[in-house]
Each structure stands twice: as structure tokens, then as C-alpha cells.
Amino acid sequence: MASPSTGSMDVPATDPGEAQVPSDPISEPPILGDESFHAASVGRCANARPVGISELDGPAQPAVKVTGYEGLHIVLLEMLDANGTVGPPPPLPPGEAYYPASTSIVSVEGATEALPVESGFASDVELLACVVLRAGRSAQYSGESGELTVVALNAVVWMVDHASGTRVAEPWVTNAELGTFINTANILEIDGSRLLPADIRPAIAYFMGQALPLNGAYQGGAEGYVVAEFDVPADLPSGTQLLPGHTFVVRLVILGGRAGVINFIDVLCAPAGIVTDQPMRVATDVHHDVGRFTASSADIEIDGDFSTEWLVAGQIRGVSGRADACGIPRSTAWEAALALRAEPDDGGYSLIP
């Protein structure tokens, strides 16, 4: 038998002008089916874990926005139950996750809860969202059979760069304030157990600079974004009686067509709690930096930040006698929510209930 080094084989010559057909790439398992990736992600999150995470109280929102990351994976490390016992989360069936994907019936279409930056494959992940769920006062557990029922939780979140394994920012706490519109029948079922995790997705989207405002009119005031009874016109015409404590209404209008722009910032005056005729125009075509903005006029200074696609909060300052007469304090916090659709109208805008 000839040795491999001296043997010969009849191999057809390659035509230099003939295109080489690439071999099919090796298929990569999705994240939820990639055990090695999952183990590595848990390890990176554990290694970057801050000391004393179980006792962390704040802040409620991430301190900074970090842009430039796209692929995201959420890693749930452990749970702290109402008795103070720390343990790993219950195991999930193959292909399921603790937090709903964009295709889940629990997610809201077009909302940051869906986080379109979530990656389906391990090679696309750039950022890990490391989460420890902590029991709130209303948490309920049933442990004898190994089942777990969670009614309310807080979540401690910190972010880890996937490539380096280092923490990107300080951890923060989110509260389990789930909207009443969520049907409890849609909550994740695990072997007969119900898991209702804290909704951390808007906070993660905020951190990643993904919580950008939707088109429409945002309205609110110093006492919250609900400024009048629900049976009044949503556009708050002149003569509208506001709820007690409200003496002005902030209105932000985004018409679309220009990315990163708030088209109009108006303030509806209501010094006696009743909306007057003429809104005060603060500014037009105000640029925002991943949701953060500042604007001013001769009478009003205002700043704000979109924490989700439909919620914004900030500070407003009245700097003139005209602002005083409008009902705007010298300095106060305000918040607003997406309330109406809006469309361009002869250089301005019109509201669509």
C-alpha cells in the first residue's frame, strides 16, 4: 500500500474561472436551545454580580443610557422568597423563557416590552441583562411539591458586556407594577405553577436607548399624567375642569417624518383648575437625544426624558409673570403619557381622539 505522501489520486483539475460554491454554514441552535451559551451567560452574570445584591434598594431606574448594543439576552440568576431563602429559578421546559418574546401574547405590539433588539442566536448577543427576582410583600410561594407561585416581585437588574464579561453600569431595581390589561390566563405556566415576573423590559429598553417616543400627543401635569376625569374630551378644550391639584397641562406633539424630533411643546394654562383659551407655546422642532430633551421660551423652561415609548417625565420652571398667571410654578416635576393621535394641520397640528 502506498503511503499518503507518495500515493496519487485522479482529481479533476479546477477551472480558475469557475466560481467556488460555498459550503452550507453550520446551523446555530437558538439561544433557548444552546446549553453551552446559557451556561456561559449565567457564569458571566454571576462573575459581574455586585456585592450585596439581595439588599440593594435602588435606584428605581438605570442611572445612564448606554447605546451601541443590539443583541440582548436576559439571564435570570435566582429568586429570593418571602422568607429570605435564596435559590435558583424553577427550571423551564425546552424552548421557553421567563420573559415573553416579541411573539408572545403577553407582549404589546410596537412596545418596548417586545424589545426587538433581543437576539435569537448566541453569536448575535452583545449585552446580557442579569436579573435577580426578589419577593415583594404580596409574593406567595408553595414549596412542598416544588411548585412556585409568584404574585408580585421586584427585580434587581445589571448589565454585562457579553464579550468582556464586565459590568456596563450600576444595578437598578424595577417594581412589579403590571398593568391590569394583562390577562392572568396568559401568564407563564410552569408545571402547574404561575410565574408573574416584574416587567423589567421597559427599563432595559430605556437603558439601551430604545425607549423612543411614538407619534402622537403626550399630556400630563405636576400631579401625574391623568389630569381630568375620563368622561371629558381627550384633547382638553377650553373650559375643561381638571382634577384637584392640576393648574397646567404639558402637551408634547410628535408628528413623525423626522427622527428624533418633538414637533411642538405646548402648555395648557389652568390657573384655577379650568383650562383657558390660549395654550403657551414653549418650542417647536425640539431635538431629543434617545428620549432626553430640553427646551425654553421667555416664560418657561422644561426638560424631560422618555422612560418608555408612551411615558415621559421631567422638570418645568416658570420664569415670568406670564407663567405665574398660567399656573406654572417656579419649579416642579411633571409627567405625561401618550393620549391622542396627531396629524399636521396648516403649519400646526390637530388632535385625533
Protein backbone atom coordinates (compact mmCIF):
# COMPACT_ATOMS: atom_id res chain seq x y z
CA MET A 1 0.00 0.00 0.00
CA ALA A 2 1.34 3.39 -0.93
CA SER A 3 1.80 5.91 1.86
CA PRO A 4 -0.42 9.02 1.81
CA SER A 5 2.60 11.16 0.99
CA THR A 6 3.52 9.23 -2.15
CA GLY A 7 0.16 7.96 -3.33
CA SER A 8 -1.71 9.65 -6.17
CA MET A 9 -5.39 10.22 -6.83
CA ASP A 10 -7.14 11.11 -10.05
CA VAL A 11 -8.60 14.53 -9.14
CA PRO A 12 -10.11 16.69 -11.90
CA ALA A 13 -8.34 19.95 -12.43
CA THR A 14 -10.07 23.06 -11.12
CA ASP A 15 -11.09 25.66 -13.67
CA PRO A 16 -9.69 29.02 -12.41
CA GLY A 17 -12.68 30.78 -13.90
CA GLU A 18 -15.19 28.52 -12.23
CA ALA A 19 -16.89 30.02 -9.18
CA GLN A 20 -16.45 28.04 -5.99
CA VAL A 21 -19.71 27.08 -4.32
CA PRO A 22 -19.52 27.82 -0.58
CA SER A 23 -20.47 25.05 1.75
CA ASP A 24 -23.64 25.47 3.78
CA PRO A 25 -22.92 27.19 7.11
CA ILE A 26 -23.27 25.11 10.22
CA SER A 27 -26.66 25.87 11.71
CA GLU A 28 -26.52 27.54 15.11
CA PRO A 29 -29.01 26.49 17.78
CA PRO A 30 -31.28 29.25 19.11
CA ILE A 31 -30.36 30.72 22.49
CA LEU A 32 -33.00 28.77 24.39
CA GLY A 33 -31.63 25.53 22.96
CA ASP A 34 -27.91 26.31 23.33
CA GLU A 35 -26.90 24.86 26.70
CA SER A 36 -23.25 25.90 26.48
CA PHE A 37 -24.19 29.51 25.69
CA HIS A 38 -26.70 29.57 28.52
CA ALA A 39 -24.11 28.26 31.00
CA ALA A 40 -21.53 30.80 29.83
CA SER A 41 -24.06 33.64 30.14
CA VAL A 42 -25.01 32.62 33.67
CA GLY A 43 -21.34 32.46 34.57
CA ARG A 44 -20.63 35.93 33.19
CA CYS A 45 -23.62 37.39 35.04
CA ALA A 46 -22.56 35.72 38.29
CA ASN A 47 -18.95 36.91 37.95
CA ALA A 48 -20.09 40.51 37.41
CA ARG A 49 -22.62 40.38 40.25
CA PRO A 50 -22.30 43.33 42.68
CA VAL A 51 -21.67 42.55 46.34
CA GLY A 52 -24.80 42.56 48.50
CA ILE A 53 -27.24 42.43 45.60
CA SER A 54 -30.01 40.99 47.80
CA GLU A 55 -30.04 44.12 49.96
CA LEU A 56 -29.97 46.66 47.11
CA ASP A 57 -32.73 49.28 47.37
CA GLY A 58 -32.27 51.49 44.33
CA PRO A 59 -32.16 53.38 42.09
CA ALA A 60 -35.58 52.72 40.59
CA GLN A 61 -34.34 53.42 37.04
CA PRO A 62 -30.96 52.86 35.42
CA ALA A 63 -28.71 55.81 36.06
CA VAL A 64 -27.46 56.15 32.48
CA LYS A 65 -28.42 55.22 28.96
CA VAL A 66 -25.87 53.12 27.09
CA THR A 67 -26.34 52.94 23.33
CA GLY A 68 -24.49 50.88 20.75
CA TYR A 69 -25.59 47.44 21.92
CA GLU A 70 -28.04 45.47 19.83
CA GLY A 71 -28.21 41.76 20.55
CA LEU A 72 -29.63 41.18 24.05
CA HIS A 73 -30.20 38.14 26.25
CA ILE A 74 -31.97 38.12 29.62
CA VAL A 75 -30.38 35.92 32.30
CA LEU A 76 -32.43 35.09 35.38
CA LEU A 77 -30.00 34.12 38.13
CA GLU A 78 -32.05 33.46 41.22
CA MET A 79 -35.05 34.29 43.36
CA LEU A 80 -35.29 35.47 46.95
CA ASP A 81 -38.51 34.26 48.52
CA ALA A 82 -40.64 35.91 51.21
CA ASN A 83 -38.72 34.00 53.93
CA GLY A 84 -35.38 35.29 52.69
CA THR A 85 -34.35 31.98 51.13
CA VAL A 86 -32.22 32.37 48.01
CA GLY A 87 -32.39 29.77 45.29
CA PRO A 88 -32.24 29.23 41.55
CA PRO A 89 -35.38 29.83 39.49
CA PRO A 90 -37.57 26.84 38.65
CA PRO A 91 -36.43 25.01 35.52
CA LEU A 92 -38.23 25.77 32.29
CA PRO A 93 -39.28 23.36 29.54
CA PRO A 94 -37.01 23.47 26.46
CA GLY A 95 -37.63 26.49 24.27
CA GLU A 96 -39.38 28.61 26.94
CA ALA A 97 -38.18 31.79 28.61
CA TYR A 98 -39.12 33.66 31.77
CA TYR A 99 -39.74 36.89 29.88
CA PRO A 100 -42.08 36.91 26.87
CA ALA A 101 -40.59 37.25 23.42
CA SER A 102 -41.94 39.66 20.82
CA THR A 103 -44.24 36.90 19.56
CA SER A 104 -45.78 36.26 22.98
CA ILE A 105 -49.46 37.00 23.59
CA VAL A 106 -48.38 38.94 26.70
CA SER A 107 -46.21 41.40 24.77
CA VAL A 108 -47.59 44.65 23.39
CA GLU A 109 -47.17 45.18 19.65
CA GLY A 110 -44.78 48.01 18.88
CA ALA A 111 -43.85 48.42 22.53
CA THR A 112 -40.52 48.18 24.31
CA GLU A 113 -41.82 45.14 26.18
CA ALA A 114 -41.10 43.23 22.97
CA LEU A 115 -37.53 44.58 22.80
CA PRO A 116 -36.83 43.97 19.11
CA VAL A 117 -33.10 44.03 19.91
CA GLU A 118 -33.36 40.63 21.61
CA SER A 119 -31.22 38.16 19.73
CA GLY A 120 -32.35 34.74 18.61
CA PHE A 121 -28.82 33.30 18.28
CA ALA A 122 -25.88 33.29 20.63
CA SER A 123 -23.47 34.78 18.09
CA ASP A 124 -25.61 37.94 17.90
CA VAL A 125 -25.71 38.67 21.66
CA GLU A 126 -23.75 41.75 22.72
CA LEU A 127 -25.37 42.54 26.07
CA LEU A 128 -26.61 40.39 28.95
CA ALA A 129 -29.41 41.62 31.20
CA CYS A 130 -28.67 39.94 34.53
CA VAL A 131 -31.71 39.71 36.80
CA VAL A 132 -32.34 38.65 40.39
CA LEU A 133 -36.03 38.49 41.29
CA ARG A 134 -36.92 39.47 44.86
CA ALA A 135 -40.22 38.75 46.58
CA GLY A 136 -42.45 41.72 47.28
CA ARG A 137 -44.92 41.84 50.16
CA SER A 138 -47.66 40.21 48.16
CA ALA A 139 -45.46 37.33 46.97
CA GLN A 140 -46.90 33.88 47.59
CA TYR A 141 -44.98 30.63 47.40
CA SER A 142 -45.97 26.98 47.69
CA GLY A 143 -42.93 24.84 48.30
CA GLU A 144 -43.81 21.33 49.48
CA SER A 145 -44.32 19.97 45.98
CA GLY A 146 -41.59 22.12 44.49
CA GLU A 147 -44.14 24.37 42.78
CA LEU A 148 -43.81 28.13 42.92
CA THR A 149 -46.48 30.80 42.58
CA VAL A 150 -45.25 34.39 42.39
CA VAL A 151 -47.83 37.17 42.61
CA ALA A 152 -45.53 40.20 42.81
CA LEU A 153 -41.78 40.72 42.63
CA ASN A 154 -39.10 43.31 42.45
CA ALA A 155 -36.23 42.75 40.06
CA VAL A 156 -32.60 43.80 40.53
CA VAL A 157 -31.02 44.33 37.10
CA TRP A 158 -27.46 44.89 35.99
CA MET A 159 -25.94 44.81 32.54
CA VAL A 160 -22.89 42.85 31.42
CA ASP A 161 -20.89 43.20 28.22
CA HIS A 162 -21.07 39.74 26.67
CA ALA A 163 -17.63 39.81 25.06
CA SER A 164 -15.63 41.02 28.07
CA GLY A 165 -17.86 39.75 30.88
CA THR A 166 -17.62 43.10 32.67
CA ARG A 167 -20.46 45.14 34.13
CA VAL A 168 -21.54 48.06 31.92
CA ALA A 169 -23.39 50.13 34.54
CA GLU A 170 -24.58 50.13 38.12
CA PRO A 171 -27.52 47.86 39.00
CA TRP A 172 -31.03 49.18 39.42
CA VAL A 173 -34.36 47.98 40.84
CA THR A 174 -37.64 47.74 38.98
CA ASN A 175 -41.01 47.24 40.64
CA ALA A 176 -43.60 44.65 39.67
CA GLU A 177 -46.22 47.14 38.54
CA LEU A 178 -48.08 45.16 35.92
CA GLY A 179 -50.97 46.76 34.07
CA THR A 180 -54.48 45.49 34.72
CA PHE A 181 -54.91 44.87 30.99
CA ILE A 182 -52.79 41.72 31.20
CA ASN A 183 -54.95 38.61 31.29
CA THR A 184 -53.69 36.39 34.10
CA ALA A 185 -54.54 33.36 31.95
CA ASN A 186 -51.65 34.43 29.70
CA ILE A 187 -49.08 34.34 32.50
CA LEU A 188 -46.39 31.72 32.03
CA GLU A 189 -47.36 28.30 33.39
CA ILE A 190 -44.60 26.00 34.65
CA ASP A 191 -45.78 22.53 35.63
CA GLY A 192 -48.94 23.98 37.12
CA SER A 193 -47.13 26.93 38.70
CA ARG A 194 -47.77 30.52 37.73
CA LEU A 195 -44.87 32.91 37.27
CA LEU A 196 -45.63 36.63 37.18
CA PRO A 197 -42.23 38.31 36.89
CA ALA A 198 -41.59 42.01 37.32
CA ASP A 199 -41.89 43.79 34.00
CA ILE A 200 -38.31 44.88 33.52
CA ARG A 201 -38.42 45.26 29.76
CA PRO A 202 -39.22 48.99 29.59
CA ALA A 203 -36.34 49.72 31.97
CA ILE A 204 -33.94 47.64 29.88
CA ALA A 205 -35.10 49.39 26.71
CA TYR A 206 -34.60 52.75 28.43
CA PHE A 207 -31.07 51.74 29.42
CA MET A 208 -30.29 50.69 25.85
CA GLY A 209 -31.63 53.92 24.36
CA GLN A 210 -34.51 52.02 22.73
CA ALA A 211 -37.36 53.75 24.61
CA LEU A 212 -38.06 56.39 21.96
CA PRO A 213 -41.40 58.20 21.76
CA LEU A 214 -44.19 57.11 19.45
CA ASN A 215 -46.09 59.56 17.24
CA GLY A 216 -48.98 61.38 18.90
CA ALA A 217 -49.75 63.83 21.70
CA TYR A 218 -48.47 63.28 25.23
CA GLN A 219 -50.34 65.07 28.03
CA GLY A 220 -49.83 65.37 31.78
CA GLY A 221 -49.07 67.66 34.66
CA ALA A 222 -47.49 68.09 38.08
CA GLU A 223 -49.73 65.58 39.82
CA GLY A 224 -49.45 62.86 37.18
CA TYR A 225 -50.46 62.14 33.62
CA VAL A 226 -54.16 61.71 34.45
CA VAL A 227 -55.23 65.36 34.56
CA ALA A 228 -59.02 65.21 34.15
CA GLU A 229 -61.91 62.79 34.60
CA PHE A 230 -62.14 60.10 31.95
CA ASP A 231 -65.50 61.28 30.57
CA VAL A 232 -64.15 64.59 29.20
CA PRO A 233 -62.77 65.09 25.68
CA ALA A 234 -59.21 63.82 25.49
CA ASP A 235 -57.99 66.98 23.73
CA LEU A 236 -58.91 69.07 26.86
CA PRO A 237 -60.68 72.01 25.19
CA SER A 238 -61.10 75.40 26.84
CA GLY A 239 -63.32 75.12 29.92
CA THR A 240 -62.23 71.60 30.86
CA GLN A 241 -62.23 71.06 34.63
CA LEU A 242 -59.00 69.41 35.73
CA LEU A 243 -58.57 67.12 38.71
CA PRO A 244 -57.67 68.80 42.04
CA GLY A 245 -54.05 69.94 42.17
CA HIS A 246 -53.61 70.49 38.44
CA THR A 247 -53.07 74.08 37.31
CA PHE A 248 -51.41 73.42 33.94
CA VAL A 249 -51.05 70.67 31.34
CA VAL A 250 -47.87 69.85 29.43
CA ARG A 251 -48.51 68.70 25.85
CA LEU A 252 -45.81 67.22 23.62
CA VAL A 253 -46.76 66.53 19.99
CA ILE A 254 -44.75 64.21 17.73
CA LEU A 255 -45.93 64.05 14.13
CA GLY A 256 -43.25 61.74 12.71
CA GLY A 257 -41.37 62.19 9.49
CA ARG A 258 -38.27 63.49 11.27
CA ALA A 259 -36.48 61.10 13.57
CA GLY A 260 -35.52 62.42 16.99
CA VAL A 261 -37.79 65.49 16.91
CA ILE A 262 -40.64 66.67 19.15
CA ASN A 263 -42.59 68.91 16.81
CA PHE A 264 -44.46 71.01 19.39
CA ILE A 265 -44.20 71.62 23.13
CA ASP A 266 -47.22 73.49 24.48
CA VAL A 267 -48.56 74.22 27.94
CA LEU A 268 -52.30 74.48 28.55
CA CYS A 269 -52.98 77.10 31.23
CA ALA A 270 -55.41 76.30 34.06
CA PRO A 271 -54.53 78.59 37.00
CA ALA A 272 -57.90 77.97 38.67
CA GLY A 273 -58.08 74.33 37.63
CA ILE A 274 -60.03 75.13 34.43
CA VAL A 275 -58.30 75.12 31.02
CA THR A 276 -58.20 78.61 29.49
CA ASP A 277 -58.35 79.65 25.84
CA GLN A 278 -54.76 80.08 24.67
CA PRO A 279 -52.00 77.48 25.18
CA MET A 280 -48.49 78.80 25.69
CA ARG A 281 -46.05 77.64 23.03
CA VAL A 282 -42.69 76.69 24.55
CA ALA A 283 -40.85 75.49 21.44
CA THR A 284 -41.12 73.74 18.08
CA ASP A 285 -38.91 71.12 16.41
CA VAL A 286 -37.10 70.16 19.60
CA HIS A 287 -34.45 67.50 19.08
CA HIS A 288 -34.14 64.73 21.64
CA ASP A 289 -31.17 62.51 22.40
CA VAL A 290 -32.50 58.95 22.80
CA GLY A 291 -35.54 60.43 24.55
CA ARG A 292 -33.91 63.24 26.55
CA PHE A 293 -34.65 66.85 25.70
CA THR A 294 -34.58 70.44 26.95
CA ALA A 295 -36.46 73.48 25.64
CA SER A 296 -37.24 77.02 26.73
CA SER A 297 -39.08 80.22 25.90
CA ALA A 298 -39.16 83.63 27.51
CA ASP A 299 -41.67 82.25 30.04
CA ILE A 300 -40.97 78.54 30.51
CA GLU A 301 -38.03 76.19 30.82
CA ILE A 302 -38.69 72.45 30.51
CA ASP A 303 -36.75 69.22 30.30
CA GLY A 304 -37.82 65.61 30.06
CA ASP A 305 -36.88 62.03 29.38
CA PHE A 306 -38.91 59.19 27.85
CA SER A 307 -38.68 56.17 30.15
CA THR A 308 -40.89 54.13 27.80
CA GLU A 309 -42.38 54.78 24.38
CA TRP A 310 -45.52 56.25 25.94
CA LEU A 311 -44.33 57.76 29.27
CA VAL A 312 -42.21 60.88 29.77
CA ALA A 313 -41.27 62.85 32.89
CA GLY A 314 -39.14 65.85 33.75
CA GLN A 315 -38.98 69.29 35.35
CA ILE A 316 -40.76 72.51 34.38
CA ARG A 317 -39.94 76.02 35.56
CA GLY A 318 -41.98 79.17 35.18
CA VAL A 319 -39.62 82.14 34.78
CA SER A 320 -42.01 85.05 34.20
CA GLY A 321 -45.16 86.70 35.50
CA ARG A 322 -46.97 85.33 32.44
CA ALA A 323 -46.02 81.81 33.51
CA ASP A 324 -47.31 82.54 37.03
CA ALA A 325 -50.63 83.66 35.55
CA CYS A 326 -50.73 80.45 33.50
CA GLY A 327 -50.49 78.31 36.64
CA ILE A 328 -46.90 77.12 36.24
CA PRO A 329 -44.85 77.01 39.48
CA ARG A 330 -41.31 78.29 39.72
CA SER A 331 -40.13 74.67 39.63
CA THR A 332 -41.94 71.34 39.77
CA ALA A 333 -41.81 67.81 38.43
CA TRP A 334 -44.24 66.69 35.74
CA GLU A 335 -45.12 63.51 33.86
CA ALA A 336 -47.16 62.81 30.74
CA ALA A 337 -48.48 59.84 28.78
CA LEU A 338 -49.43 59.23 25.17
CA ALA A 339 -53.07 60.31 25.00
CA LEU A 340 -54.07 61.12 21.40
CA ARG A 341 -53.11 60.70 17.79
CA ALA A 342 -52.00 63.85 15.98
CA GLU A 343 -51.53 64.96 12.38
CA PRO A 344 -50.08 68.05 10.66
CA ASP A 345 -52.56 70.87 10.12
CA ASP A 346 -51.63 74.11 8.30
CA GLY A 347 -48.25 74.54 9.96
CA GLY A 348 -49.53 73.26 13.28
CA TYR A 349 -51.28 70.10 14.40
CA SER A 350 -54.72 68.71 15.00
CA LEU A 351 -55.60 66.06 17.58
CA ILE A 352 -57.50 62.88 16.80
CA PRO A 353 -59.27 61.25 19.78
